[in-house]
Amino acid sequence: MASVPLQRMKREEKKRSQTVQTTAPLAADNGSVNYLNVKADLHRTLLDDLDRRNLIGASEADLTRFVNDFVAQALQDSVVPLNEQERVRLVDDLLEETLGVGPLSSLMADPAVTDILVNGPHRIYVERFGQLELTNIKFRDNDHLVRIIQRIASRVGRRIDEGSPMVDARLADGSRVNATLPPATIDGPTLSIRRFGKRRLRAEDLMQLGMFSATMHQFLQCMVEGRRNILVSGGTGSGKSTLLGAIAESIPGRERIVTIEDAAELMLDQAHVVRMETRPANVEGRGVITARDLMVNSLRMRPDRIIMGEVRSGEALDMLQAMNTGHDGSLTTIHANSPRDALSRLETMVLMAGLELPSRAIREQIVSAIQVIVHVRRYEDGVRRVESIAEIAGLEGNTPQLQEIYRFRHQGRDGKRIQGVHQSTGIVPRVVDQLRALGTDLPMSLFQAGGS
């Protein structure tokens, strides 16, 4: 059944459409207006038919057949001012309106677009190459945008309406979607789509893009192969998940990997991977699966490695305990503005687990569990770079000690692009001795001061 807001919108559209003569030629002096008017009228009728036949939630194949038959019959029964090319296009557009993301389809097909940000029906922004720009794409009105949002939500088993005005979802291609309706957003509905490339960016690709140097990559490879625990930190959109996937390339294929994510994004090369994903509550408020639930369950699945897409809450405590009880070589990410901030946020998240642990005990857990923090940042030129790799060197008093092993050295600008190099600080990390004891010998040239 269609939701109450959708039914109300369709009734309002019917009232508006009563003033339009669909059987007569429409604005014959402008073919573009003709096409848009015909498409709008047919789309309203199509929605009514889908609702009446209870096909709103039908499979994609059934909907495709229904739309094709509907358009063929409508064009046969009505005199519409469209040429043959427009008639063919009409079928594709109505299919996209019924199955896809409507006017956003061209943006979804553009591989350069990484974010689509819809601020109401007439202001749609995209991010290309790290920079935001306003597009000329528009929805007809608020109702049109709301229908697209509700369709996206319904296709993944979620609901969004006035009673539940926010939704997080994942499209079939892996893109992450967040949508809001009034009263959550005052000025109208919004839609945010975080897209992921069809081809995963590998470590070699990231090196060519300037995210990190070959020396840093070799060091991280040895860390992963030596089963050291790594925390990737960074701000929103800084490339944490992409970097996490590149680091995970070094995990041996013979090992069993369990991944835990809010929205499954990681694409790993290894064959023995178990992917787990959280789930929000359903319409009745039941069925929620939290990251902490999955974290606890993963410990019973005999994992060699646990990769948590991001720690956000009390699951941080379970992740630290897993790292400290034999699940070496685990990886995770955290939102933070610096390696030092990452430690503070991690401590706060452990407290969110609901246990009244003393600060000293939490910091001891963190220092024991995590060996290296890799901090990534999106710079002002839109390029994502590893800003720092730091080792947690122990506690001094009650304060975790960090020593920076590699950093990005800013060297000015060349036009809009920031110039700089990744360099070693000259500090030999303590983890080198741990890796040597395990049979991995790191060359000292990796830590030569000023080396890149």
Protein backbone atom coordinates (compact mmCIF):
# COMPACT_ATOMS: atom_id res chain seq x y z
CA MET A 1 0.00 0.00 0.00
CA ALA A 2 1.19 3.54 -0.73
CA SER A 3 1.92 5.70 2.28
CA VAL A 4 -0.56 8.38 3.40
CA PRO A 5 1.63 11.29 2.19
CA LEU A 6 1.99 9.65 -1.24
CA GLN A 7 -1.79 9.23 -1.53
CA ARG A 8 -2.33 12.84 -0.53
CA MET A 9 0.21 14.05 -3.09
CA LYS A 10 -1.48 12.08 -5.83
CA ARG A 11 -4.90 13.55 -4.91
CA GLU A 12 -3.41 17.05 -5.10
CA GLU A 13 -1.82 16.25 -8.44
CA LYS A 14 -5.19 15.02 -9.74
CA LYS A 15 -6.80 18.34 -8.80
CA ARG A 16 -4.06 20.26 -10.59
CA SER A 17 -4.24 18.02 -13.62
CA GLN A 18 -8.01 18.60 -14.03
CA THR A 19 -7.19 21.97 -15.60
CA VAL A 20 -4.92 20.36 -18.22
CA GLN A 21 -6.39 19.01 -21.48
CA THR A 22 -4.20 15.98 -22.09
CA THR A 23 -5.99 14.85 -25.24
CA ALA A 24 -5.31 18.13 -27.08
CA PRO A 25 -1.93 19.29 -28.36
CA LEU A 26 0.01 20.94 -25.51
CA ALA A 27 1.93 24.15 -26.14
CA ALA A 28 2.49 23.30 -29.77
CA ASP A 29 4.99 26.13 -30.13
CA ASN A 30 7.50 24.50 -27.84
CA GLY A 31 8.43 20.84 -28.27
CA SER A 32 10.35 20.74 -24.96
CA VAL A 33 7.29 21.92 -23.02
CA ASN A 34 5.12 19.41 -24.91
CA TYR A 35 7.35 16.55 -23.85
CA LEU A 36 7.58 17.59 -20.20
CA ASN A 37 3.80 18.09 -19.92
CA VAL A 38 3.01 14.75 -21.54
CA LYS A 39 5.53 12.97 -19.32
CA ALA A 40 4.16 14.62 -16.17
CA ASP A 41 0.57 13.69 -17.03
CA LEU A 42 1.45 10.10 -17.89
CA HIS A 43 3.55 9.78 -14.76
CA ARG A 44 0.60 10.82 -12.59
CA THR A 45 -1.65 8.29 -14.32
CA LEU A 46 1.06 5.63 -14.01
CA LEU A 47 1.31 6.20 -10.26
CA ASP A 48 -2.47 5.82 -9.94
CA ASP A 49 -2.38 2.53 -11.88
CA LEU A 50 0.52 1.19 -9.81
CA ASP A 51 -1.30 2.07 -6.60
CA ARG A 52 -4.62 0.62 -7.76
CA ARG A 53 -2.98 -2.64 -8.84
CA ASN A 54 -0.85 -2.72 -5.65
CA LEU A 55 2.38 -2.80 -7.70
CA ILE A 56 4.31 -0.11 -5.78
CA GLY A 57 6.59 -2.74 -4.25
CA ALA A 58 6.68 -5.12 -7.24
CA SER A 59 9.91 -6.53 -8.63
CA GLU A 60 11.94 -4.54 -11.12
CA ALA A 61 11.14 -6.97 -13.94
CA ASP A 62 7.38 -6.73 -13.31
CA LEU A 63 7.52 -2.94 -13.11
CA THR A 64 9.52 -2.74 -16.35
CA ARG A 65 6.93 -4.83 -18.21
CA PHE A 66 4.07 -2.81 -16.74
CA VAL A 67 5.61 0.55 -17.69
CA ASN A 68 6.34 -0.59 -21.26
CA ASP A 69 2.77 -1.83 -21.71
CA PHE A 70 1.35 1.30 -20.06
CA VAL A 71 3.25 3.72 -22.33
CA ALA A 72 2.44 1.71 -25.48
CA GLN A 73 -1.25 1.72 -24.62
CA ALA A 74 -1.26 5.42 -23.66
CA LEU A 75 0.39 6.46 -26.93
CA GLN A 76 -2.03 4.30 -28.89
CA ASP A 77 -5.14 5.65 -27.16
CA SER A 78 -4.22 9.37 -27.04
CA VAL A 79 -3.22 12.00 -29.52
CA VAL A 80 0.04 13.30 -28.06
CA PRO A 81 2.26 15.94 -29.73
CA LEU A 82 5.46 13.88 -29.66
CA ASN A 83 7.72 12.79 -32.48
CA GLU A 84 9.09 9.25 -32.76
CA GLN A 85 12.33 10.06 -30.95
CA GLU A 86 10.43 11.59 -28.03
CA ARG A 87 8.14 8.57 -27.84
CA VAL A 88 11.14 6.24 -27.45
CA ARG A 89 12.66 8.56 -24.86
CA LEU A 90 9.37 8.66 -22.96
CA VAL A 91 9.57 4.94 -22.15
CA ASP A 92 13.12 5.29 -20.79
CA ASP A 93 12.28 8.36 -18.72
CA LEU A 94 9.16 6.84 -17.17
CA LEU A 95 11.11 3.68 -16.36
CA GLU A 96 13.75 5.80 -14.65
CA GLU A 97 11.05 7.74 -12.77
CA THR A 98 9.46 4.47 -11.63
CA LEU A 99 12.57 2.39 -10.89
CA GLY A 100 15.48 4.77 -10.49
CA VAL A 101 16.36 8.21 -9.23
CA GLY A 102 14.54 10.33 -11.79
CA PRO A 103 16.41 13.48 -12.90
CA LEU A 104 19.51 12.35 -10.99
CA SER A 105 20.14 9.41 -13.35
CA SER A 106 22.65 11.34 -15.49
CA LEU A 107 24.62 12.30 -12.37
CA MET A 108 24.59 8.69 -11.14
CA ALA A 109 26.08 7.66 -14.49
CA ASP A 110 28.94 10.19 -14.27
CA PRO A 111 32.01 8.42 -12.81
CA ALA A 112 33.54 11.77 -11.77
CA VAL A 113 30.66 12.53 -9.37
CA THR A 114 31.35 11.37 -5.82
CA ASP A 115 28.56 13.19 -3.96
CA ILE A 116 25.09 14.33 -5.02
CA LEU A 117 23.50 16.88 -2.67
CA VAL A 118 19.87 17.85 -3.26
CA ASN A 119 18.77 20.93 -1.31
CA GLY A 120 15.15 21.02 -2.39
CA PRO A 121 13.82 20.49 -5.93
CA HIS A 122 15.74 23.28 -7.67
CA ARG A 123 19.21 23.33 -6.08
CA ILE A 124 21.26 20.23 -6.78
CA TYR A 125 25.00 20.20 -6.11
CA VAL A 126 27.63 17.60 -6.98
CA GLU A 127 31.20 17.03 -5.90
CA ARG A 128 33.67 16.43 -8.71
CA PHE A 129 37.39 16.02 -8.03
CA GLY A 130 36.92 17.26 -4.47
CA GLN A 131 35.07 20.48 -5.43
CA LEU A 132 31.36 21.30 -5.04
CA GLU A 133 29.47 22.77 -8.00
CA LEU A 134 25.84 23.69 -8.70
CA THR A 135 24.16 21.76 -11.54
CA ASN A 136 21.35 22.80 -13.87
CA ILE A 137 19.33 19.66 -13.06
CA LYS A 138 16.01 20.21 -11.28
CA PHE A 139 12.99 18.34 -10.00
CA ARG A 140 9.56 19.67 -10.99
CA ASP A 141 8.55 20.50 -7.43
CA ASN A 142 8.73 19.27 -3.83
CA ASP A 143 6.22 16.48 -4.51
CA HIS A 144 8.36 15.12 -7.33
CA LEU A 145 11.43 15.02 -5.07
CA VAL A 146 9.47 13.39 -2.23
CA ARG A 147 8.25 10.64 -4.58
CA ILE A 148 11.83 9.84 -5.62
CA ILE A 149 12.93 9.77 -1.97
CA GLN A 150 10.04 7.47 -0.97
CA ARG A 151 10.77 5.16 -3.90
CA ILE A 152 14.44 4.87 -2.93
CA ALA A 153 13.45 4.09 0.65
CA SER A 154 10.76 1.56 -0.29
CA ARG A 155 13.08 -0.34 -2.64
CA VAL A 156 15.40 -1.11 0.29
CA GLY A 157 12.64 -1.86 2.78
CA ARG A 158 12.73 1.49 4.61
CA ARG A 159 10.00 4.03 5.29
CA ILE A 160 10.08 7.81 5.19
CA ASP A 161 7.10 10.10 5.79
CA GLU A 162 5.97 12.85 8.14
CA GLY A 163 5.99 10.44 11.08
CA SER A 164 9.49 9.16 10.28
CA PRO A 165 11.14 12.02 8.35
CA MET A 166 14.72 10.70 8.11
CA VAL A 167 16.18 7.63 6.45
CA ASP A 168 19.59 6.07 5.77
CA ALA A 169 19.77 3.50 2.99
CA ARG A 170 22.10 1.86 0.49
CA LEU A 171 21.40 1.58 -3.23
CA ALA A 172 22.02 -1.56 -5.25
CA ASP A 173 25.31 -0.13 -6.57
CA GLY A 174 26.57 0.42 -3.01
CA SER A 175 25.92 4.18 -2.88
CA ARG A 176 24.95 5.54 0.53
CA VAL A 177 21.76 7.59 0.75
CA ASN A 178 20.45 9.94 3.42
CA ALA A 179 17.12 11.71 3.01
CA THR A 180 15.04 14.05 5.14
CA LEU A 181 11.52 15.50 4.96
CA PRO A 182 9.89 18.35 6.86
CA PRO A 183 9.70 18.89 9.80
CA ALA A 184 13.26 17.49 10.10
CA THR A 185 14.41 19.98 7.46
CA ILE A 186 12.62 23.31 7.57
CA ASP A 187 12.95 24.42 3.94
CA GLY A 188 11.82 21.19 2.28
CA PRO A 189 13.03 17.67 1.44
CA THR A 190 16.74 16.93 1.03
CA LEU A 191 18.64 14.01 -0.47
CA SER A 192 22.35 13.18 -0.10
CA ILE A 193 23.98 10.39 -2.10
CA ARG A 194 27.57 9.33 -1.43
CA ARG A 195 28.73 7.40 -4.49
CA PHE A 196 31.48 4.82 -4.81
CA GLY A 197 33.31 3.99 -7.98
CA LYS A 198 32.52 0.78 -9.81
CA ARG A 199 36.25 0.03 -9.76
CA ARG A 200 37.91 0.00 -6.37
CA LEU A 201 40.87 2.32 -5.97
CA ARG A 202 43.83 0.13 -5.17
CA ALA A 203 47.00 1.09 -3.28
CA GLU A 204 48.84 1.74 -6.56
CA ASP A 205 46.07 4.10 -7.68
CA LEU A 206 46.18 6.00 -4.39
CA MET A 207 49.95 6.40 -4.64
CA GLN A 208 49.59 7.86 -8.15
CA LEU A 209 46.94 10.26 -6.81
CA GLY A 210 49.36 11.41 -4.12
CA MET A 211 47.57 9.98 -1.09
CA PHE A 212 50.75 8.41 0.28
CA SER A 213 54.29 7.53 -0.78
CA ALA A 214 55.79 4.19 -1.74
CA THR A 215 57.79 4.18 1.50
CA MET A 216 54.66 4.67 3.59
CA HIS A 217 52.93 1.92 1.63
CA GLN A 218 55.79 -0.50 2.29
CA PHE A 219 55.67 0.31 6.01
CA LEU A 220 51.88 -0.25 6.19
CA GLN A 221 52.24 -3.50 4.25
CA CYS A 222 54.71 -4.80 6.82
CA MET A 223 52.38 -3.69 9.62
CA VAL A 224 49.45 -5.64 8.16
CA GLU A 225 51.51 -8.73 7.31
CA GLY A 226 52.96 -8.61 10.85
CA ARG A 227 49.40 -8.55 12.29
CA ARG A 228 49.66 -5.13 13.95
CA ASN A 229 46.42 -3.27 14.74
CA ILE A 230 45.82 -0.07 12.77
CA LEU A 231 43.38 2.79 13.37
CA VAL A 232 42.59 5.06 10.39
CA SER A 233 41.37 8.52 11.40
CA GLY A 234 40.10 11.50 9.42
CA GLY A 235 37.23 13.87 8.83
CA THR A 236 34.05 13.27 6.83
CA GLY A 237 34.82 12.57 3.17
CA SER A 238 38.57 12.40 3.76
CA GLY A 239 38.92 8.92 2.23
CA LYS A 240 39.11 6.74 5.36
CA SER A 241 37.16 3.82 3.88
CA THR A 242 39.09 3.95 0.60
CA LEU A 243 42.40 3.93 2.48
CA LEU A 244 41.16 1.11 4.74
CA GLY A 245 40.45 -1.03 1.67
CA ALA A 246 43.91 -0.29 0.25
CA ILE A 247 45.61 -1.23 3.52
CA ALA A 248 43.57 -4.45 3.71
CA GLU A 249 45.02 -5.58 0.35
CA SER A 250 48.07 -6.84 2.28
CA ILE A 251 46.07 -9.36 4.35
CA PRO A 252 47.09 -12.87 3.21
CA GLY A 253 44.46 -14.67 1.16
CA ARG A 254 44.53 -17.74 3.42
CA GLU A 255 43.07 -15.83 6.38
CA ARG A 256 39.38 -15.56 7.34
CA ILE A 257 38.20 -11.93 7.39
CA VAL A 258 35.01 -10.62 9.00
CA THR A 259 33.92 -7.09 8.05
CA ILE A 260 31.39 -5.04 10.02
CA GLU A 261 29.90 -1.90 8.46
CA ASP A 262 26.89 0.38 8.70
CA ALA A 263 26.65 0.30 4.90
CA ALA A 264 28.68 -2.37 3.12
CA GLU A 265 31.32 -0.47 1.14
CA LEU A 266 34.54 -2.44 1.43
CA MET A 267 35.50 -4.47 -1.63
CA LEU A 268 38.26 -6.92 -0.75
CA ASP A 269 40.30 -9.18 -3.03
CA GLN A 270 40.49 -12.07 -0.58
CA ALA A 271 38.16 -15.04 -1.11
CA HIS A 272 37.45 -15.88 2.54
CA VAL A 273 35.46 -12.81 3.58
CA VAL A 274 32.28 -12.67 5.68
CA ARG A 275 30.47 -9.34 5.29
CA MET A 276 28.16 -8.10 8.05
CA GLU A 277 25.96 -5.00 8.03
CA THR A 278 23.96 -3.16 10.67
CA ARG A 279 20.21 -2.68 10.33
CA PRO A 280 17.95 0.05 11.77
CA ALA A 281 14.63 -0.69 13.44
CA ASN A 282 11.66 -1.47 11.21
CA VAL A 283 8.32 0.38 11.17
CA GLU A 284 7.28 -1.33 14.43
CA GLY A 285 10.57 -0.31 16.09
CA ARG A 286 11.92 -3.87 16.04
CA GLY A 287 14.65 -5.80 14.30
CA VAL A 288 17.51 -3.38 14.92
CA ILE A 289 21.01 -4.86 14.56
CA THR A 290 23.77 -2.66 15.98
CA ALA A 291 27.48 -2.65 15.24
CA ARG A 292 28.03 -3.82 18.79
CA ASP A 293 25.75 -6.83 18.22
CA LEU A 294 27.74 -7.75 15.12
CA MET A 295 31.05 -7.17 16.87
CA VAL A 296 30.14 -9.55 19.70
CA ASN A 297 28.80 -12.12 17.25
CA SER A 298 31.90 -11.93 15.04
CA LEU A 299 34.06 -13.19 17.90
CA ARG A 300 32.14 -16.50 17.68
CA MET A 301 32.85 -16.84 13.95
CA ARG A 302 36.53 -17.80 14.25
CA PRO A 303 37.90 -14.69 12.47
CA ASP A 304 41.59 -14.27 11.72
CA ARG A 305 41.01 -10.57 11.12
CA ILE A 306 38.19 -8.24 12.05
CA ILE A 307 37.68 -5.10 9.98
CA MET A 308 35.18 -2.62 11.40
CA GLY A 309 34.23 0.04 8.87
CA GLU A 310 33.95 2.69 11.58
CA VAL A 311 33.65 2.84 15.35
CA ARG A 312 30.91 5.26 16.41
CA SER A 313 29.76 4.18 19.85
CA GLY A 314 30.06 1.47 22.49
CA GLU A 315 31.35 -1.09 19.99
CA ALA A 316 34.73 0.61 20.45
CA LEU A 317 35.15 -1.24 23.77
CA ASP A 318 34.43 -4.62 22.17
CA MET A 319 36.83 -3.83 19.32
CA LEU A 320 39.63 -2.96 21.74
CA GLN A 321 39.00 -6.10 23.77
CA ALA A 322 39.11 -8.22 20.61
CA MET A 323 42.44 -6.64 19.62
CA ASN A 324 43.76 -7.38 23.10
CA THR A 325 42.59 -11.00 23.19
CA GLY A 326 44.16 -12.63 20.16
CA HIS A 327 42.53 -10.94 17.16
CA ASP A 328 45.72 -9.25 16.06
CA GLY A 329 45.92 -7.45 12.72
CA SER A 330 42.46 -5.89 13.01
CA LEU A 331 41.60 -2.62 11.29
CA THR A 332 39.05 0.13 11.88
CA THR A 333 38.39 3.83 11.21
CA ILE A 334 37.23 6.76 13.34
CA HIS A 335 36.13 10.33 12.69
CA ALA A 336 38.76 12.71 14.09
CA ASN A 337 40.74 15.82 13.15
CA SER A 338 44.15 14.51 14.26
CA PRO A 339 45.76 11.37 15.73
CA ARG A 340 45.56 12.93 19.21
CA ASP A 341 41.84 13.68 18.72
CA ALA A 342 41.34 10.09 17.57
CA LEU A 343 42.57 8.80 20.95
CA SER A 344 40.28 11.21 22.83
CA ARG A 345 37.25 10.24 20.74
CA LEU A 346 38.02 6.54 21.14
CA GLU A 347 38.09 6.97 24.91
CA THR A 348 34.73 8.76 24.80
CA MET A 349 33.20 5.98 22.71
CA VAL A 350 34.37 3.34 25.18
CA LEU A 351 32.50 5.24 27.90
CA MET A 352 29.39 5.06 25.68
CA ALA A 353 29.37 1.29 26.24
CA GLY A 354 27.75 2.02 29.60
CA LEU A 355 30.50 0.67 31.83
CA GLU A 356 31.96 2.99 34.45
CA LEU A 357 35.58 2.31 33.64
CA PRO A 358 38.30 4.59 35.03
CA SER A 359 40.10 6.75 32.50
CA ARG A 360 43.44 5.08 33.26
CA ALA A 361 42.03 1.61 32.47
CA ILE A 362 40.57 2.77 29.15
CA ARG A 363 43.83 4.39 28.07
CA GLU A 364 45.78 1.27 28.98
CA GLN A 365 43.41 -0.75 26.79
CA ILE A 366 43.89 1.67 23.88
CA VAL A 367 47.69 1.74 24.18
CA SER A 368 47.84 -2.05 24.39
CA ALA A 369 45.43 -2.65 21.50
CA ILE A 370 46.46 -0.16 18.80
CA GLN A 371 49.97 0.19 17.45
CA VAL A 372 49.61 2.79 14.66
CA ILE A 373 47.24 5.64 13.76
CA VAL A 374 47.05 6.66 10.09
CA HIS A 375 45.49 10.11 9.74
CA VAL A 376 44.06 11.11 6.35
CA ARG A 377 42.81 14.55 5.36
CA ARG A 378 41.06 16.15 2.41
CA TYR A 379 43.03 19.29 1.66
CA GLU A 380 41.71 22.58 0.31
CA ASP A 381 42.56 21.57 -3.28
CA GLY A 382 40.24 18.56 -2.96
CA VAL A 383 43.09 16.01 -2.88
CA ARG A 384 42.97 13.40 -0.11
CA ARG A 385 46.37 12.75 1.47
CA VAL A 386 47.74 10.85 4.43
CA GLU A 387 48.73 13.73 6.70
CA SER A 388 50.44 11.66 9.39
CA ILE A 389 51.35 8.13 10.47
CA ALA A 390 51.98 7.99 14.20
CA GLU A 391 52.87 5.19 16.59
CA ILE A 392 51.32 4.87 20.03
CA ALA A 393 54.47 4.57 22.14
CA GLY A 394 52.91 3.84 25.54
CA LEU A 395 51.65 5.79 28.54
CA GLU A 396 53.57 8.52 30.27
CA GLY A 397 51.78 9.13 33.53
CA ASN A 398 48.16 9.12 32.39
CA THR A 399 48.77 10.38 28.85
CA PRO A 400 49.17 8.18 25.74
CA GLN A 401 52.38 9.08 23.92
CA LEU A 402 52.41 9.50 20.14
CA GLN A 403 55.51 9.64 17.98
CA GLU A 404 55.12 10.66 14.36
CA ILE A 405 56.82 8.38 11.86
CA TYR A 406 55.72 10.00 8.58
CA ARG A 407 54.11 13.35 7.76
CA PHE A 408 52.99 15.38 4.76
CA ARG A 409 55.19 18.45 4.38
CA HIS A 410 53.41 21.42 2.80
CA GLN A 411 55.57 23.23 0.20
CA GLY A 412 53.22 25.90 -1.17
CA ARG A 413 50.81 25.97 -4.10
CA ASP A 414 51.00 25.53 -7.85
CA GLY A 415 47.87 27.33 -8.93
CA LYS A 416 44.99 25.73 -7.04
CA ARG A 417 46.86 22.52 -6.21
CA ILE A 418 48.80 22.19 -2.97
CA GLN A 419 52.42 21.10 -3.40
CA GLY A 420 54.22 18.95 -0.85
CA VAL A 421 55.94 15.64 -0.12
CA HIS A 422 55.48 12.78 2.30
CA GLN A 423 58.57 12.47 4.47
CA SER A 424 59.93 10.30 7.24
CA THR A 425 60.57 12.10 10.53
CA GLY A 426 63.66 9.99 11.21
CA ILE A 427 62.09 8.21 14.20
CA VAL A 428 62.41 4.43 14.20
CA PRO A 429 59.16 3.09 15.72
CA ARG A 430 59.14 0.57 18.53
CA VAL A 431 56.97 -1.71 16.44
CA VAL A 432 60.05 -2.55 14.35
CA ASP A 433 61.38 -4.73 17.19
CA GLN A 434 57.99 -6.47 17.51
CA LEU A 435 57.94 -7.24 13.78
CA ARG A 436 61.52 -8.54 13.85
CA ALA A 437 60.55 -10.95 16.63
CA LEU A 438 57.81 -12.24 14.30
CA GLY A 439 60.24 -12.70 11.40
CA THR A 440 59.53 -9.47 9.49
CA ASP A 441 62.65 -7.34 9.07
CA LEU A 442 61.97 -3.74 8.01
CA PRO A 443 64.85 -1.96 6.23
CA MET A 444 66.09 1.05 8.17
CA SER A 445 66.01 3.09 4.96
CA LEU A 446 62.24 3.38 5.47
CA PHE A 447 62.87 5.68 8.41
CA GLN A 448 65.69 7.84 7.08
CA ALA A 449 64.98 11.47 8.02
CA GLY A 450 63.58 13.44 5.10
CA GLY A 451 63.13 10.32 2.97
CA SER A 452 59.96 10.01 0.92
